[in-house]
Amino acid sequence: QKISFQASNPGQFENDSDVLWQRGHVPETTVYHGRVGINTDAPDEALVVCRNAKVMGRVMHPSDSQAKQNIREVDTNEQLRRITQMRLVEYDYKPEFAFVMGIKDT
């Protein structure tokens, strides 16, 4: 089966190969081998969303407690000692990145 898209720029997908979009191994999934941008034409990661996103359900992340076990308290003094050994930095976004991402205060 083919996957259909409706785009504001109908020629947007003309150069994409059909091989990039594939049916996933898990039922009702689609796999794209490349980068996907929503409200950007220059995604620099697997998925870049430039605006708000609404999620109707859970977003699982490796840091979620549902993905962990053996959660326990740690020695606070030892952790503070480790933090003092960390390298802390400040930075400004590159202007071209800030522009593409819609960041006004770099």
C-alpha atoms as a PDB file:
ATOM      1  CA  GLN A   1       0.000   0.000   0.000  1.00  0.00           C
ATOM      2  CA  LYS A   2       1.053   3.589  -0.612  1.00  0.00           C
ATOM      3  CA  ILE A   3       0.977   6.303   2.041  1.00  0.00           C
ATOM      4  CA  SER A   4      -0.766   9.542   1.060  1.00  0.00           C
ATOM      5  CA  PHE A   5       0.094  13.038   2.286  1.00  0.00           C
ATOM      6  CA  GLN A   6      -1.620  16.342   1.857  1.00  0.00           C
ATOM      7  CA  ALA A   7       0.894  19.183   1.805  1.00  0.00           C
ATOM      8  CA  SER A   8       0.607  22.911   1.356  1.00  0.00           C
ATOM      9  CA  ASN A   9       3.359  22.549  -1.245  1.00  0.00           C
ATOM     10  CA  PRO A  10       2.226  19.681  -3.524  1.00  0.00           C
ATOM     11  CA  GLY A  11       5.737  19.280  -5.006  1.00  0.00           C
ATOM     12  CA  GLN A  12       7.302  18.887  -1.578  1.00  0.00           C
ATOM     13  CA  PHE A  13       7.537  15.092  -1.770  1.00  0.00           C
ATOM     14  CA  GLU A  14       8.460  14.727  -5.454  1.00  0.00           C
ATOM     15  CA  ASN A  15      12.125  14.019  -4.728  1.00  0.00           C
ATOM     16  CA  ASP A  16      11.494  11.553  -1.906  1.00  0.00           C
ATOM     17  CA  SER A  17      12.004   7.919  -2.786  1.00  0.00           C
ATOM     18  CA  ASP A  18       9.148   5.511  -2.074  1.00  0.00           C
ATOM     19  CA  VAL A  19      11.734   3.322  -0.328  1.00  0.00           C
ATOM     20  CA  LEU A  20      12.085   5.872   2.500  1.00  0.00           C
ATOM     21  CA  TRP A  21       8.527   5.188   3.726  1.00  0.00           C
ATOM     22  CA  GLN A  22       7.802   1.587   4.708  1.00  0.00           C
ATOM     23  CA  ARG A  23       5.219  -0.397   6.605  1.00  0.00           C
ATOM     24  CA  GLY A  24       6.530  -1.138  10.096  1.00  0.00           C
ATOM     25  CA  HIS A  25       7.022  -4.610  11.554  1.00  0.00           C
ATOM     26  CA  VAL A  26       4.467  -3.814  14.265  1.00  0.00           C
ATOM     27  CA  PRO A  27       0.837  -3.567  13.041  1.00  0.00           C
ATOM     28  CA  GLU A  28      -0.442  -0.061  12.225  1.00  0.00           C
ATOM     29  CA  THR A  29       3.055   1.478  12.100  1.00  0.00           C
ATOM     30  CA  THR A  30       4.944   3.313   9.392  1.00  0.00           C
ATOM     31  CA  VAL A  31       8.713   3.743   9.261  1.00  0.00           C
ATOM     32  CA  TYR A  32      10.505   6.640   7.593  1.00  0.00           C
ATOM     33  CA  HIS A  33      14.253   6.355   7.027  1.00  0.00           C
ATOM     34  CA  GLY A  34      15.292  10.001   7.203  1.00  0.00           C
ATOM     35  CA  ARG A  35      14.443  13.243   8.976  1.00  0.00           C
ATOM     36  CA  VAL A  36      10.935  14.638   9.389  1.00  0.00           C
ATOM     37  CA  GLY A  37      10.208  18.318   9.926  1.00  0.00           C
ATOM     38  CA  ILE A  38       6.880  19.832  10.953  1.00  0.00           C
ATOM     39  CA  ASN A  39       6.727  23.598  10.311  1.00  0.00           C
ATOM     40  CA  THR A  40      10.368  23.515   9.204  1.00  0.00           C
ATOM     41  CA  ASP A  41      12.021  22.514   5.969  1.00  0.00           C
ATOM     42  CA  ALA A  42      15.416  21.961   7.639  1.00  0.00           C
ATOM     43  CA  PRO A  43      15.049  19.244  10.301  1.00  0.00           C
ATOM     44  CA  ASP A  44      18.392  18.484  11.940  1.00  0.00           C
ATOM     45  CA  GLU A  45      17.157  15.516  13.998  1.00  0.00           C
ATOM     46  CA  ALA A  46      14.952  12.499  13.309  1.00  0.00           C
ATOM     47  CA  LEU A  47      11.848  14.567  14.191  1.00  0.00           C
ATOM     48  CA  VAL A  48      11.704  18.337  14.575  1.00  0.00           C
ATOM     49  CA  VAL A  49       8.426  20.047  15.518  1.00  0.00           C
ATOM     50  CA  CYS A  50       8.518  23.856  15.351  1.00  0.00           C
ATOM     51  CA  ARG A  51       5.349  24.926  17.189  1.00  0.00           C
ATOM     52  CA  ASN A  52       3.076  23.377  19.778  1.00  0.00           C
ATOM     53  CA  ALA A  53       2.327  19.662  19.735  1.00  0.00           C
ATOM     54  CA  LYS A  54      -0.741  18.011  21.232  1.00  0.00           C
ATOM     55  CA  VAL A  55      -0.433  14.446  22.492  1.00  0.00           C
ATOM     56  CA  MET A  56      -3.555  12.425  23.180  1.00  0.00           C
ATOM     57  CA  GLY A  57      -1.976   9.698  25.286  1.00  0.00           C
ATOM     58  CA  ARG A  58       1.365   9.107  26.969  1.00  0.00           C
ATOM     59  CA  VAL A  59       4.798  10.089  25.759  1.00  0.00           C
ATOM     60  CA  MET A  60       7.288   7.521  26.953  1.00  0.00           C
ATOM     61  CA  HIS A  61      10.852   8.605  27.559  1.00  0.00           C
ATOM     62  CA  PRO A  62      13.709   6.542  29.003  1.00  0.00           C
ATOM     63  CA  SER A  63      13.677   8.797  32.043  1.00  0.00           C
ATOM     64  CA  ASP A  64      10.025   7.934  32.861  1.00  0.00           C
ATOM     65  CA  SER A  65       9.563   5.983  36.082  1.00  0.00           C
ATOM     66  CA  GLN A  66       7.503   3.413  34.137  1.00  0.00           C
ATOM     67  CA  ALA A  67      10.713   2.385  32.326  1.00  0.00           C
ATOM     68  CA  LYS A  68      12.723   1.933  35.533  1.00  0.00           C
ATOM     69  CA  GLN A  69      13.033  -0.452  38.425  1.00  0.00           C
ATOM     70  CA  ASN A  70      15.005  -0.533  41.692  1.00  0.00           C
ATOM     71  CA  ILE A  71      14.448   3.201  42.251  1.00  0.00           C
ATOM     72  CA  ARG A  72      16.063   4.236  45.543  1.00  0.00           C
ATOM     73  CA  GLU A  73      17.236   7.311  47.441  1.00  0.00           C
ATOM     74  CA  VAL A  74      20.897   8.292  47.167  1.00  0.00           C
ATOM     75  CA  ASP A  75      23.381   9.982  49.517  1.00  0.00           C
ATOM     76  CA  THR A  76      22.745  13.698  48.910  1.00  0.00           C
ATOM     77  CA  ASN A  77      26.208  14.771  50.133  1.00  0.00           C
ATOM     78  CA  GLU A  78      27.903  12.389  47.701  1.00  0.00           C
ATOM     79  CA  GLN A  79      25.769  13.666  44.819  1.00  0.00           C
ATOM     80  CA  LEU A  80      26.548  17.317  45.680  1.00  0.00           C
ATOM     81  CA  ARG A  81      30.259  16.440  45.674  1.00  0.00           C
ATOM     82  CA  ARG A  82      29.848  14.978  42.185  1.00  0.00           C
ATOM     83  CA  ILE A  83      28.000  18.084  40.984  1.00  0.00           C
ATOM     84  CA  THR A  84      30.903  20.309  42.053  1.00  0.00           C
ATOM     85  CA  GLN A  85      33.093  18.297  39.657  1.00  0.00           C
ATOM     86  CA  MET A  86      30.819  18.976  36.672  1.00  0.00           C
ATOM     87  CA  ARG A  87      31.748  21.440  33.939  1.00  0.00           C
ATOM     88  CA  LEU A  88      29.011  24.079  33.750  1.00  0.00           C
ATOM     89  CA  VAL A  89      28.680  26.316  30.671  1.00  0.00           C
ATOM     90  CA  GLU A  90      26.611  29.172  29.277  1.00  0.00           C
ATOM     91  CA  TYR A  91      25.933  29.532  25.562  1.00  0.00           C
ATOM     92  CA  ASP A  92      24.106  31.443  22.843  1.00  0.00           C
ATOM     93  CA  TYR A  93      22.325  29.725  19.973  1.00  0.00           C
ATOM     94  CA  LYS A  94      23.837  30.217  16.529  1.00  0.00           C
ATOM     95  CA  PRO A  95      21.704  32.806  14.665  1.00  0.00           C
ATOM     96  CA  GLU A  96      20.845  30.431  11.795  1.00  0.00           C
ATOM     97  CA  PHE A  97      19.646  27.740  14.246  1.00  0.00           C
ATOM     98  CA  ALA A  98      17.616  30.247  16.261  1.00  0.00           C
ATOM     99  CA  PHE A  99      15.997  31.562  13.073  1.00  0.00           C
ATOM    100  CA  VAL A 100      14.984  28.093  11.819  1.00  0.00           C
ATOM    101  CA  MET A 101      13.657  27.091  15.258  1.00  0.00           C
ATOM    102  CA  GLY A 102      11.809  30.383  15.811  1.00  0.00           C
ATOM    103  CA  ILE A 103      13.867  31.233  18.910  1.00  0.00           C
ATOM    104  CA  LYS A 104      13.889  34.976  19.512  1.00  0.00           C
ATOM    105  CA  ASP A 105      16.054  35.203  22.648  1.00  0.00           C
ATOM    106  CA  THR A 106      19.282  33.407  21.759  1.00  0.00           C
END
